[in-house]
């Protein structure tokens, strides 16, 4: 619950959804808050064009920080990382029906008229916090599950 609260506080302070989610995990993963904010800064609003939700990209960055790979010396690490990403996406879609920002909000924020509608209807304040909370909860569950029983690439 602590990470969820941190992520929501970040969002309420004006950070984008990707920054909010990623920063809730970054420091424990050895990345400074400042660096995490920089890394995630361009991923909010579905990379500013309504594509993959920033909460999802922030969560995927958190998964990568905890379970990513840095070399093909051990291809099992890459397979595990990919399996966790796919698992996260499937779980998020099962809960929210999409990972695309424009579908989750019901409007395309890359279109100036639709962006105005999003703002006028307060959707950033009503929908995005739910998406942020869900993304954080799913990553936390993955972290806990991985400690119990590491995911195998063929399980996804």
C-alpha atoms as a PDB file:
ATOM      1  CA  UNK A   1       0.000   0.000   0.000  1.00  0.00           C
ATOM      2  CA  UNK A   2       2.918   2.333   0.633  1.00  0.00           C
ATOM      3  CA  UNK A   3       3.967   2.337  -3.038  1.00  0.00           C
ATOM      4  CA  UNK A   4       0.412   2.959  -4.186  1.00  0.00           C
ATOM      5  CA  UNK A   5       0.171   5.967  -1.871  1.00  0.00           C
ATOM      6  CA  UNK A   6       3.521   7.274  -3.119  1.00  0.00           C
ATOM      7  CA  UNK A   7       2.446   6.856  -6.740  1.00  0.00           C
ATOM      8  CA  UNK A   8      -0.851   8.657  -6.177  1.00  0.00           C
ATOM      9  CA  UNK A   9       0.860  11.473  -4.280  1.00  0.00           C
ATOM     10  CA  UNK A  10       3.328  11.817  -7.162  1.00  0.00           C
ATOM     11  CA  UNK A  11       0.460  12.068  -9.636  1.00  0.00           C
ATOM     12  CA  UNK A  12      -1.420  14.577  -7.491  1.00  0.00           C
ATOM     13  CA  UNK A  13       1.726  16.730  -7.446  1.00  0.00           C
ATOM     14  CA  UNK A  14       1.691  16.956 -11.239  1.00  0.00           C
ATOM     15  CA  UNK A  15       3.919  14.091 -12.306  1.00  0.00           C
ATOM     16  CA  UNK A  16       2.673  12.050 -15.232  1.00  0.00           C
ATOM     17  CA  UNK A  17       1.337   8.533 -14.759  1.00  0.00           C
ATOM     18  CA  UNK A  18       4.538   6.816 -15.918  1.00  0.00           C
ATOM     19  CA  UNK A  19       6.675   8.893 -13.566  1.00  0.00           C
ATOM     20  CA  UNK A  20       4.247   8.298 -10.717  1.00  0.00           C
ATOM     21  CA  UNK A  21       4.335   4.519 -11.034  1.00  0.00           C
ATOM     22  CA  UNK A  22       8.030   4.134 -11.841  1.00  0.00           C
ATOM     23  CA  UNK A  23       9.170   6.407  -9.012  1.00  0.00           C
ATOM     24  CA  UNK A  24       7.231   4.321  -6.506  1.00  0.00           C
ATOM     25  CA  UNK A  25       9.669   1.459  -7.257  1.00  0.00           C
ATOM     26  CA  UNK A  26      12.833   3.140  -8.519  1.00  0.00           C
ATOM     27  CA  UNK A  27      14.649   4.007  -5.319  1.00  0.00           C
ATOM     28  CA  UNK A  28      14.328   0.476  -3.941  1.00  0.00           C
ATOM     29  CA  UNK A  29      15.801  -0.676  -7.243  1.00  0.00           C
ATOM     30  CA  UNK A  30      18.821   1.575  -6.794  1.00  0.00           C
ATOM     31  CA  UNK A  31      17.777   4.444  -9.053  1.00  0.00           C
ATOM     32  CA  UNK A  32      17.542   7.970  -7.686  1.00  0.00           C
ATOM     33  CA  UNK A  33      14.190   9.704  -7.760  1.00  0.00           C
ATOM     34  CA  UNK A  34      15.607  12.364 -10.057  1.00  0.00           C
ATOM     35  CA  UNK A  35      16.905   9.810 -12.581  1.00  0.00           C
ATOM     36  CA  UNK A  36      13.645   7.874 -12.451  1.00  0.00           C
ATOM     37  CA  UNK A  37      11.692  11.064 -13.144  1.00  0.00           C
ATOM     38  CA  UNK A  38      13.917  11.818 -16.110  1.00  0.00           C
ATOM     39  CA  UNK A  39      13.674   8.306 -17.545  1.00  0.00           C
ATOM     40  CA  UNK A  40       9.874   8.190 -17.297  1.00  0.00           C
ATOM     41  CA  UNK A  41       9.169  11.807 -18.240  1.00  0.00           C
ATOM     42  CA  UNK A  42       8.231  11.169 -21.883  1.00  0.00           C
ATOM     43  CA  UNK A  43       5.946   8.193 -21.292  1.00  0.00           C
ATOM     44  CA  UNK A  44       2.892   9.898 -19.791  1.00  0.00           C
ATOM     45  CA  UNK A  45      -0.274  10.160 -21.836  1.00  0.00           C
ATOM     46  CA  UNK A  46       0.617   7.093 -23.818  1.00  0.00           C
ATOM     47  CA  UNK A  47       3.917   8.633 -24.906  1.00  0.00           C
ATOM     48  CA  UNK A  48       1.985  11.875 -25.455  1.00  0.00           C
ATOM     49  CA  UNK A  49      -0.011  10.322 -28.288  1.00  0.00           C
ATOM     50  CA  UNK A  50      -2.592   8.092 -26.599  1.00  0.00           C
ATOM     51  CA  UNK A  51      -0.725   4.847 -27.129  1.00  0.00           C
ATOM     52  CA  UNK A  52       0.329   2.544 -24.244  1.00  0.00           C
ATOM     53  CA  UNK A  53      -0.871   4.013 -20.943  1.00  0.00           C
ATOM     54  CA  UNK A  54       1.855   5.704 -18.913  1.00  0.00           C
ATOM     55  CA  UNK A  55       0.888   3.714 -15.822  1.00  0.00           C
ATOM     56  CA  UNK A  56       1.594   0.575 -17.844  1.00  0.00           C
ATOM     57  CA  UNK A  57       4.930   1.833 -19.174  1.00  0.00           C
ATOM     58  CA  UNK A  58       5.933   2.957 -15.679  1.00  0.00           C
ATOM     59  CA  UNK A  59       5.066  -0.500 -14.377  1.00  0.00           C
ATOM     60  CA  UNK A  60       7.020  -2.180 -17.171  1.00  0.00           C
ATOM     61  CA  UNK A  61      10.029  -0.014 -16.295  1.00  0.00           C
ATOM     62  CA  UNK A  62       9.666  -1.130 -12.665  1.00  0.00           C
ATOM     63  CA  UNK A  63       9.510  -4.765 -13.776  1.00  0.00           C
ATOM     64  CA  UNK A  64      12.590  -4.247 -15.918  1.00  0.00           C
ATOM     65  CA  UNK A  65      14.439  -2.589 -13.053  1.00  0.00           C
ATOM     66  CA  UNK A  66      13.724  -5.595 -10.839  1.00  0.00           C
ATOM     67  CA  UNK A  67      13.759  -8.457 -13.341  1.00  0.00           C
ATOM     68  CA  UNK A  68      15.336  -7.127 -16.536  1.00  0.00           C
ATOM     69  CA  UNK A  69      18.386  -8.360 -18.361  1.00  0.00           C
ATOM     70  CA  UNK A  70      21.617  -6.655 -19.376  1.00  0.00           C
ATOM     71  CA  UNK A  71      23.284  -9.224 -21.577  1.00  0.00           C
ATOM     72  CA  UNK A  72      22.567 -12.266 -23.633  1.00  0.00           C
ATOM     73  CA  UNK A  73      25.119 -14.224 -21.605  1.00  0.00           C
ATOM     74  CA  UNK A  74      22.138 -15.678 -19.791  1.00  0.00           C
ATOM     75  CA  UNK A  75      19.173 -15.837 -22.212  1.00  0.00           C
ATOM     76  CA  UNK A  76      16.990 -17.141 -19.395  1.00  0.00           C
ATOM     77  CA  UNK A  77      16.997 -13.634 -17.891  1.00  0.00           C
ATOM     78  CA  UNK A  78      15.599 -12.188 -21.116  1.00  0.00           C
ATOM     79  CA  UNK A  79      12.934 -14.885 -21.339  1.00  0.00           C
ATOM     80  CA  UNK A  80      11.920 -14.279 -17.710  1.00  0.00           C
ATOM     81  CA  UNK A  81      11.782 -10.520 -18.219  1.00  0.00           C
ATOM     82  CA  UNK A  82       9.654 -10.922 -21.336  1.00  0.00           C
ATOM     83  CA  UNK A  83       7.362 -13.407 -19.580  1.00  0.00           C
ATOM     84  CA  UNK A  84       6.815 -11.004 -16.687  1.00  0.00           C
ATOM     85  CA  UNK A  85       6.020  -8.155 -19.078  1.00  0.00           C
ATOM     86  CA  UNK A  86       3.474 -10.268 -20.940  1.00  0.00           C
ATOM     87  CA  UNK A  87       1.972 -11.489 -17.678  1.00  0.00           C
ATOM     88  CA  UNK A  88       1.620  -7.928 -16.392  1.00  0.00           C
ATOM     89  CA  UNK A  89      -0.019  -6.762 -19.611  1.00  0.00           C
ATOM     90  CA  UNK A  90      -2.485  -9.670 -19.612  1.00  0.00           C
ATOM     91  CA  UNK A  91      -3.443  -8.995 -16.000  1.00  0.00           C
ATOM     92  CA  UNK A  92      -3.842  -5.258 -16.620  1.00  0.00           C
ATOM     93  CA  UNK A  93      -6.023  -5.906 -19.673  1.00  0.00           C
ATOM     94  CA  UNK A  94      -8.110  -8.397 -17.692  1.00  0.00           C
ATOM     95  CA  UNK A  95      -8.810  -5.665 -15.125  1.00  0.00           C
ATOM     96  CA  UNK A  96      -9.047  -2.586 -17.362  1.00  0.00           C
ATOM     97  CA  UNK A  97      -9.854  -4.055 -20.824  1.00  0.00           C
ATOM     98  CA  UNK A  98      -6.967  -2.258 -22.555  1.00  0.00           C
ATOM     99  CA  UNK A  99      -3.459  -0.912 -22.142  1.00  0.00           C
ATOM    100  CA  UNK A 100      -4.002   1.959 -24.591  1.00  0.00           C
ATOM    101  CA  UNK A 101      -4.405   5.412 -23.078  1.00  0.00           C
ATOM    102  CA  UNK A 102      -6.938   6.592 -25.669  1.00  0.00           C
ATOM    103  CA  UNK A 103      -9.111   3.532 -25.046  1.00  0.00           C
ATOM    104  CA  UNK A 104      -8.845   3.774 -21.274  1.00  0.00           C
ATOM    105  CA  UNK A 105      -9.772   7.474 -21.291  1.00  0.00           C
ATOM    106  CA  UNK A 106     -12.229   7.182 -24.162  1.00  0.00           C
ATOM    107  CA  UNK A 107     -10.535  10.060 -25.939  1.00  0.00           C
ATOM    108  CA  UNK A 108      -7.322  10.627 -27.878  1.00  0.00           C
ATOM    109  CA  UNK A 109      -5.204  13.127 -26.005  1.00  0.00           C
ATOM    110  CA  UNK A 110      -3.054  13.755 -29.091  1.00  0.00           C
ATOM    111  CA  UNK A 111      -6.102  15.478 -30.638  1.00  0.00           C
ATOM    112  CA  UNK A 112      -6.409  18.989 -29.186  1.00  0.00           C
ATOM    113  CA  UNK A 113     -10.223  18.970 -29.170  1.00  0.00           C
ATOM    114  CA  UNK A 114     -10.371  15.573 -27.475  1.00  0.00           C
ATOM    115  CA  UNK A 115      -7.686  16.669 -25.006  1.00  0.00           C
ATOM    116  CA  UNK A 116      -9.933  19.577 -24.043  1.00  0.00           C
ATOM    117  CA  UNK A 117     -12.800  17.146 -23.460  1.00  0.00           C
ATOM    118  CA  UNK A 118     -10.581  14.963 -21.256  1.00  0.00           C
ATOM    119  CA  UNK A 119      -9.640  18.030 -19.240  1.00  0.00           C
ATOM    120  CA  UNK A 120     -13.176  19.448 -19.045  1.00  0.00           C
ATOM    121  CA  UNK A 121     -14.572  16.104 -17.877  1.00  0.00           C
ATOM    122  CA  UNK A 122     -11.798  15.689 -15.285  1.00  0.00           C
ATOM    123  CA  UNK A 123     -10.806  12.277 -16.640  1.00  0.00           C
ATOM    124  CA  UNK A 124      -7.150  12.683 -15.701  1.00  0.00           C
ATOM    125  CA  UNK A 125      -8.302  13.080 -12.102  1.00  0.00           C
ATOM    126  CA  UNK A 126     -10.924  10.347 -12.121  1.00  0.00           C
ATOM    127  CA  UNK A 127      -9.568   7.585 -14.394  1.00  0.00           C
ATOM    128  CA  UNK A 128      -5.783   7.913 -14.220  1.00  0.00           C
ATOM    129  CA  UNK A 129      -5.500   7.391 -10.440  1.00  0.00           C
ATOM    130  CA  UNK A 130      -7.376   4.086 -10.827  1.00  0.00           C
ATOM    131  CA  UNK A 131      -4.953   2.990 -13.548  1.00  0.00           C
ATOM    132  CA  UNK A 132      -1.949   4.028 -11.472  1.00  0.00           C
ATOM    133  CA  UNK A 133      -3.248   2.105  -8.451  1.00  0.00           C
ATOM    134  CA  UNK A 134      -3.893  -1.015 -10.527  1.00  0.00           C
ATOM    135  CA  UNK A 135      -0.449  -0.883 -12.128  1.00  0.00           C
ATOM    136  CA  UNK A 136       1.284  -0.523  -8.753  1.00  0.00           C
ATOM    137  CA  UNK A 137      -0.757  -3.347  -7.203  1.00  0.00           C
ATOM    138  CA  UNK A 138       0.061  -5.701 -10.077  1.00  0.00           C
ATOM    139  CA  UNK A 139       3.793  -4.969  -9.912  1.00  0.00           C
ATOM    140  CA  UNK A 140       3.787  -5.410  -6.137  1.00  0.00           C
ATOM    141  CA  UNK A 141       2.044  -8.748  -6.571  1.00  0.00           C
ATOM    142  CA  UNK A 142       4.659  -9.811  -9.115  1.00  0.00           C
ATOM    143  CA  UNK A 143       7.469  -8.830  -6.767  1.00  0.00           C
ATOM    144  CA  UNK A 144       5.885 -10.851  -3.958  1.00  0.00           C
ATOM    145  CA  UNK A 145       5.129 -13.825  -6.226  1.00  0.00           C
ATOM    146  CA  UNK A 146       8.652 -13.878  -7.650  1.00  0.00           C
ATOM    147  CA  UNK A 147      10.037 -14.211  -4.139  1.00  0.00           C
ATOM    148  CA  UNK A 148       7.798 -17.241  -3.576  1.00  0.00           C
ATOM    149  CA  UNK A 149       8.029 -18.972  -6.935  1.00  0.00           C
ATOM    150  CA  UNK A 150       9.947 -17.424  -9.862  1.00  0.00           C
ATOM    151  CA  UNK A 151       7.984 -17.312 -13.096  1.00  0.00           C
ATOM    152  CA  UNK A 152       9.161 -19.573 -15.874  1.00  0.00           C
ATOM    153  CA  UNK A 153       9.162 -18.233 -19.426  1.00  0.00           C
ATOM    154  CA  UNK A 154       6.955 -21.106 -20.587  1.00  0.00           C
ATOM    155  CA  UNK A 155       4.255 -20.384 -17.955  1.00  0.00           C
ATOM    156  CA  UNK A 156       2.948 -17.327 -19.807  1.00  0.00           C
END
